[in-house]
Structures are given as C-alpha cells and as structure tokens.
C-alpha cells in the first residue's frame, strides 16, 4: 500500500537490508515495530517491499520525531537483534521530501 503523506516538506527514513540465513522471529518483530512506530508522535506512514533486497520507507513530520523513534527502547532492542541475527547487511538513509506527486486513484 502507498502511504498517504501530507503536503511536503516531511522526512523519509529509508531502510534497505539483506537478510541473513537466520530470520527466525523476524516477521513478528517487524509487525510489532510497524505497529509501535504508528503510535509514535510525528509518524506519517510506511511502505515496505521485500524480495532478495528489502526496502522499508517510513515517513515522519520532522527530524525530532525520527530521533525519538530511534531512541525508543523497544525499537533499540529490535535493531540490536537485527544486527546480531537477522541482517547480513543494511543501510539507513534519512531524507527531506521537498515535493511529491502521483496518480492518487486509491
């Protein structure tokens, strides 16, 4: 599903990852983190796709909201598990969205 974001500007956190062989518990933790993020102040939406390469983009009102999410205790625990067992490699990018447009049929 495409996230319904407000008029720009806002911020995007792009998380790109390659999974390790041991992904036990990953899907349930991922679902938990999406639910938890959606409760955070400043959260605007999320989009995710995974095949060989996983890409998740979360949208936020401002940099302070992103910082608070990064420092969330449960999110920190999930990130640590990701580093220790779920990810072969990953990259996080934080971007300011200056403009967006689309078809908007749904």
N, C-alpha and C. Protein backbone atom coordinates (compact mmCIF):
# COMPACT_ATOMS: atom_id res chain seq x y z
N UNK A 1 0.84 -1.17 0.00
CA UNK A 1 0.00 0.00 0.00
C UNK A 1 0.90 1.25 0.00
N UNK A 2 0.48 2.24 -0.71
CA UNK A 2 1.21 3.51 -0.75
C UNK A 2 0.74 4.39 0.41
N UNK A 3 1.68 4.88 1.20
CA UNK A 3 1.36 5.71 2.35
C UNK A 3 0.72 7.03 1.91
N UNK A 4 -0.28 7.45 2.65
CA UNK A 4 -0.91 8.75 2.40
C UNK A 4 -0.16 9.79 3.23
N UNK A 5 0.69 10.52 2.58
CA UNK A 5 1.52 11.51 3.26
C UNK A 5 0.95 12.92 3.06
N UNK A 6 1.28 13.83 3.97
CA UNK A 6 0.78 15.20 3.84
C UNK A 6 1.55 15.95 2.75
N UNK A 7 1.16 17.17 2.55
CA UNK A 7 1.90 18.03 1.63
C UNK A 7 3.33 18.19 2.15
N UNK A 8 4.29 18.15 1.23
CA UNK A 8 5.71 18.31 1.59
C UNK A 8 5.92 19.74 2.11
N UNK A 9 6.92 19.92 2.95
CA UNK A 9 8.01 19.01 3.27
C UNK A 9 7.70 18.10 4.46
N UNK A 10 8.32 16.93 4.45
CA UNK A 10 8.33 15.99 5.55
C UNK A 10 9.58 15.13 5.35
N UNK A 11 9.79 14.15 6.19
CA UNK A 11 11.02 13.36 6.13
C UNK A 11 10.74 11.89 5.86
N UNK A 12 11.70 11.25 5.21
CA UNK A 12 11.64 9.81 4.93
C UNK A 12 12.88 9.14 5.51
N UNK A 13 12.67 8.02 6.18
CA UNK A 13 13.76 7.17 6.63
C UNK A 13 13.71 5.92 5.75
N UNK A 14 14.77 5.72 4.98
CA UNK A 14 14.83 4.60 4.04
C UNK A 14 15.75 3.54 4.64
N UNK A 15 15.19 2.37 4.90
CA UNK A 15 15.94 1.26 5.48
C UNK A 15 16.04 0.17 4.42
N UNK A 16 17.25 -0.10 3.97
CA UNK A 16 17.50 -1.10 2.94
C UNK A 16 18.28 -2.24 3.60
N UNK A 17 17.87 -3.50 3.34
CA UNK A 17 18.52 -4.61 4.04
C UNK A 17 18.62 -5.87 3.20
N UNK A 18 19.62 -6.66 3.54
CA UNK A 18 19.78 -8.02 3.04
C UNK A 18 19.67 -8.94 4.25
N UNK A 19 18.82 -9.95 4.16
CA UNK A 19 18.59 -10.85 5.29
C UNK A 19 19.72 -11.87 5.42
N UNK A 20 20.00 -12.23 6.66
CA UNK A 20 20.89 -13.35 6.95
C UNK A 20 20.07 -14.63 6.84
N UNK A 21 20.73 -15.77 6.94
CA UNK A 21 20.01 -17.05 6.84
C UNK A 21 19.04 -17.25 8.00
N UNK A 22 19.42 -16.79 9.20
CA UNK A 22 18.56 -16.96 10.37
C UNK A 22 17.58 -15.79 10.47
N UNK A 23 16.35 -16.02 10.02
CA UNK A 23 15.34 -14.96 10.13
C UNK A 23 14.23 -15.34 11.11
N UNK A 24 14.50 -16.31 11.98
CA UNK A 24 13.51 -16.76 12.95
C UNK A 24 13.09 -15.59 13.85
N UNK A 25 11.80 -15.34 13.90
CA UNK A 25 11.26 -14.27 14.73
C UNK A 25 11.21 -12.90 14.05
N UNK A 26 11.79 -12.82 12.84
CA UNK A 26 11.87 -11.53 12.16
C UNK A 26 10.48 -10.97 11.81
N UNK A 27 9.64 -11.79 11.21
CA UNK A 27 8.34 -11.29 10.74
C UNK A 27 7.48 -10.76 11.89
N UNK A 28 7.46 -11.47 13.00
CA UNK A 28 6.65 -10.99 14.13
C UNK A 28 7.23 -9.71 14.71
N UNK A 29 8.56 -9.60 14.77
CA UNK A 29 9.18 -8.36 15.27
C UNK A 29 8.92 -7.21 14.31
N UNK A 30 8.99 -7.49 13.02
CA UNK A 30 8.72 -6.45 12.02
C UNK A 30 7.30 -5.92 12.18
N UNK A 31 6.34 -6.81 12.31
CA UNK A 31 4.94 -6.40 12.51
C UNK A 31 4.79 -5.57 13.78
N UNK A 32 5.47 -5.99 14.85
CA UNK A 32 5.42 -5.27 16.12
C UNK A 32 6.00 -3.87 15.97
N UNK A 33 7.10 -3.73 15.23
CA UNK A 33 7.74 -2.43 15.05
C UNK A 33 6.87 -1.49 14.21
N UNK A 34 6.20 -2.02 13.20
CA UNK A 34 5.29 -1.18 12.40
C UNK A 34 4.16 -0.67 13.28
N UNK A 35 3.59 -1.54 14.10
CA UNK A 35 2.52 -1.13 14.99
C UNK A 35 3.01 -0.09 16.00
N UNK A 36 4.19 -0.31 16.55
CA UNK A 36 4.75 0.62 17.53
C UNK A 36 5.09 1.97 16.89
N UNK A 37 5.69 1.94 15.70
CA UNK A 37 6.02 3.19 15.01
C UNK A 37 4.76 4.01 14.73
N UNK A 38 3.69 3.32 14.35
CA UNK A 38 2.46 4.03 14.00
C UNK A 38 1.85 4.75 15.20
N UNK A 39 2.26 4.40 16.40
CA UNK A 39 1.78 5.06 17.62
C UNK A 39 2.64 6.25 18.02
N UNK A 40 3.78 6.43 17.34
CA UNK A 40 4.72 7.48 17.73
C UNK A 40 4.29 8.84 17.19
N UNK A 41 4.50 9.85 18.01
CA UNK A 41 4.22 11.23 17.58
C UNK A 41 5.08 11.56 16.36
N UNK A 42 4.47 12.13 15.35
CA UNK A 42 5.19 12.54 14.15
C UNK A 42 5.23 11.49 13.06
N UNK A 43 4.75 10.28 13.33
CA UNK A 43 4.73 9.22 12.32
C UNK A 43 3.65 9.52 11.29
N UNK A 44 3.99 9.39 10.00
CA UNK A 44 3.05 9.71 8.92
C UNK A 44 2.63 8.49 8.11
N UNK A 45 3.46 7.47 8.04
CA UNK A 45 3.11 6.29 7.27
C UNK A 45 4.34 5.45 6.97
N UNK A 46 4.09 4.32 6.29
CA UNK A 46 5.18 3.39 5.99
C UNK A 46 4.87 2.62 4.72
N UNK A 47 5.91 2.29 3.98
CA UNK A 47 5.82 1.44 2.79
C UNK A 47 6.96 0.44 2.87
N UNK A 48 6.70 -0.79 2.45
CA UNK A 48 7.74 -1.80 2.55
C UNK A 48 7.59 -2.84 1.45
N UNK A 49 8.74 -3.33 0.98
CA UNK A 49 8.76 -4.40 -0.02
C UNK A 49 9.99 -5.26 0.26
N UNK A 50 9.83 -6.58 0.08
CA UNK A 50 10.96 -7.46 0.31
C UNK A 50 10.93 -8.60 -0.70
N UNK A 51 12.01 -8.73 -1.40
CA UNK A 51 12.33 -9.91 -2.19
C UNK A 51 13.72 -10.32 -1.73
N UNK A 52 14.67 -10.30 -2.61
CA UNK A 52 16.06 -10.53 -2.20
C UNK A 52 16.55 -9.35 -1.36
N UNK A 53 16.17 -8.16 -1.77
CA UNK A 53 16.52 -6.92 -1.09
C UNK A 53 15.26 -6.37 -0.44
N UNK A 54 15.36 -5.97 0.81
CA UNK A 54 14.22 -5.37 1.49
C UNK A 54 14.38 -3.86 1.56
N UNK A 55 13.28 -3.15 1.30
CA UNK A 55 13.30 -1.70 1.40
C UNK A 55 12.05 -1.28 2.18
N UNK A 56 12.27 -0.57 3.27
CA UNK A 56 11.18 -0.02 4.05
C UNK A 56 11.41 1.48 4.16
N UNK A 57 10.36 2.24 3.84
CA UNK A 57 10.44 3.70 3.95
C UNK A 57 9.37 4.13 4.95
N UNK A 58 9.82 4.78 6.02
CA UNK A 58 8.87 5.35 6.97
C UNK A 58 8.91 6.87 6.81
N UNK A 59 7.75 7.49 7.01
CA UNK A 59 7.61 8.93 6.80
C UNK A 59 7.31 9.61 8.13
N UNK A 60 7.95 10.78 8.34
CA UNK A 60 7.89 11.46 9.63
C UNK A 60 7.73 12.97 9.42
N UNK A 61 7.09 13.62 10.38
CA UNK A 61 6.87 15.06 10.31
C UNK A 61 8.18 15.85 10.37
N UNK A 62 9.11 15.40 11.23
CA UNK A 62 10.33 16.19 11.44
C UNK A 62 11.46 15.30 11.95
N UNK A 63 12.64 15.88 12.02
CA UNK A 63 13.82 15.14 12.46
C UNK A 63 13.73 14.75 13.93
N UNK A 64 13.09 15.56 14.74
CA UNK A 64 12.93 15.24 16.16
C UNK A 64 12.11 13.97 16.34
N UNK A 65 11.06 13.79 15.55
CA UNK A 65 10.25 12.56 15.62
C UNK A 65 11.08 11.34 15.26
N UNK A 66 11.94 11.48 14.25
CA UNK A 66 12.82 10.38 13.84
C UNK A 66 13.79 10.04 14.98
N UNK A 67 14.33 11.05 15.61
CA UNK A 67 15.27 10.84 16.71
C UNK A 67 14.59 10.12 17.87
N UNK A 68 13.38 10.53 18.20
CA UNK A 68 12.64 9.87 19.29
C UNK A 68 12.36 8.41 18.94
N UNK A 69 12.03 8.13 17.70
CA UNK A 69 11.79 6.75 17.27
C UNK A 69 13.08 5.93 17.38
N UNK A 70 14.18 6.51 16.95
CA UNK A 70 15.47 5.82 17.04
C UNK A 70 15.80 5.48 18.49
N UNK A 71 15.46 6.36 19.41
CA UNK A 71 15.78 6.16 20.82
C UNK A 71 14.73 5.37 21.59
N UNK A 72 13.64 4.98 20.95
CA UNK A 72 12.62 4.16 21.60
C UNK A 72 13.24 2.85 22.07
N UNK A 73 13.00 2.48 23.31
CA UNK A 73 13.63 1.30 23.91
C UNK A 73 13.33 0.02 23.15
N UNK A 74 12.07 -0.22 22.81
CA UNK A 74 11.70 -1.44 22.08
C UNK A 74 12.32 -1.45 20.67
N UNK A 75 12.36 -0.30 20.03
CA UNK A 75 12.97 -0.20 18.71
C UNK A 75 14.47 -0.48 18.79
N UNK A 76 15.11 0.02 19.84
CA UNK A 76 16.54 -0.24 20.05
C UNK A 76 16.80 -1.73 20.21
N UNK A 77 15.96 -2.41 20.98
CA UNK A 77 16.11 -3.86 21.17
C UNK A 77 15.94 -4.59 19.83
N UNK A 78 14.97 -4.18 19.03
CA UNK A 78 14.76 -4.81 17.72
C UNK A 78 15.95 -4.56 16.80
N UNK A 79 16.49 -3.35 16.81
CA UNK A 79 17.67 -3.05 15.98
C UNK A 79 18.85 -3.92 16.38
N UNK A 80 19.03 -4.10 17.69
CA UNK A 80 20.13 -4.94 18.16
C UNK A 80 19.97 -6.38 17.70
N UNK A 81 18.75 -6.92 17.76
CA UNK A 81 18.51 -8.27 17.25
C UNK A 81 18.78 -8.34 15.75
N UNK A 82 18.39 -7.30 15.03
CA UNK A 82 18.65 -7.26 13.59
C UNK A 82 20.14 -7.33 13.30
N UNK A 83 20.92 -6.57 14.00
CA UNK A 83 22.38 -6.58 13.80
C UNK A 83 22.97 -7.94 14.15
N UNK A 84 22.48 -8.53 15.25
CA UNK A 84 23.04 -9.78 15.75
C UNK A 84 22.65 -10.99 14.93
N UNK A 85 21.40 -11.03 14.40
CA UNK A 85 20.97 -12.27 13.78
C UNK A 85 20.19 -12.16 12.48
N UNK A 86 19.50 -11.06 12.20
CA UNK A 86 18.61 -11.06 11.04
C UNK A 86 19.21 -10.47 9.78
N UNK A 87 20.13 -9.53 9.90
CA UNK A 87 20.62 -8.83 8.71
C UNK A 87 22.04 -9.21 8.36
N UNK A 88 22.23 -9.51 7.09
CA UNK A 88 23.57 -9.71 6.53
C UNK A 88 24.22 -8.34 6.32
N UNK A 89 23.39 -7.38 5.89
CA UNK A 89 23.86 -6.02 5.63
C UNK A 89 22.64 -5.10 5.66
N UNK A 90 22.84 -3.84 6.01
CA UNK A 90 21.75 -2.87 5.94
C UNK A 90 22.31 -1.46 5.85
N UNK A 91 21.44 -0.55 5.44
CA UNK A 91 21.80 0.86 5.32
C UNK A 91 20.56 1.68 5.68
N UNK A 92 20.77 2.77 6.42
CA UNK A 92 19.69 3.70 6.76
C UNK A 92 20.02 5.05 6.14
N UNK A 93 19.04 5.62 5.47
CA UNK A 93 19.18 6.95 4.88
C UNK A 93 18.02 7.81 5.35
N UNK A 94 18.31 9.06 5.73
CA UNK A 94 17.27 9.98 6.15
C UNK A 94 17.25 11.14 5.16
N UNK A 95 16.08 11.41 4.61
CA UNK A 95 15.95 12.39 3.53
C UNK A 95 14.80 13.36 3.83
N UNK A 96 14.94 14.56 3.38
CA UNK A 96 13.85 15.52 3.44
C UNK A 96 13.10 15.46 2.11
N UNK A 97 11.81 15.22 2.18
CA UNK A 97 10.97 15.19 0.98
C UNK A 97 10.54 16.63 0.70
N UNK A 98 10.99 17.14 -0.41
CA UNK A 98 10.68 18.51 -0.80
C UNK A 98 9.42 18.61 -1.66
N UNK A 99 9.14 17.52 -2.36
CA UNK A 99 7.99 17.52 -3.27
C UNK A 99 7.58 16.09 -3.51
N UNK A 100 6.29 15.86 -3.67
CA UNK A 100 5.81 14.55 -4.09
C UNK A 100 4.60 14.73 -4.99
N UNK A 101 4.36 13.74 -5.80
CA UNK A 101 3.20 13.75 -6.69
C UNK A 101 2.92 12.33 -7.12
N UNK A 102 1.73 12.09 -7.63
CA UNK A 102 1.36 10.75 -8.07
C UNK A 102 -0.02 10.73 -8.68
N UNK A 103 -0.45 9.56 -8.99
CA UNK A 103 -1.73 9.37 -9.65
C UNK A 103 -2.90 9.52 -8.66
N UNK A 104 -2.76 8.93 -7.49
CA UNK A 104 -3.74 9.11 -6.42
C UNK A 104 -5.11 8.52 -6.65
N UNK A 105 -5.21 7.37 -7.34
CA UNK A 105 -6.51 6.74 -7.57
C UNK A 105 -7.06 6.04 -6.35
N UNK A 106 -6.19 5.65 -5.41
CA UNK A 106 -6.71 4.95 -4.24
C UNK A 106 -6.20 5.54 -2.96
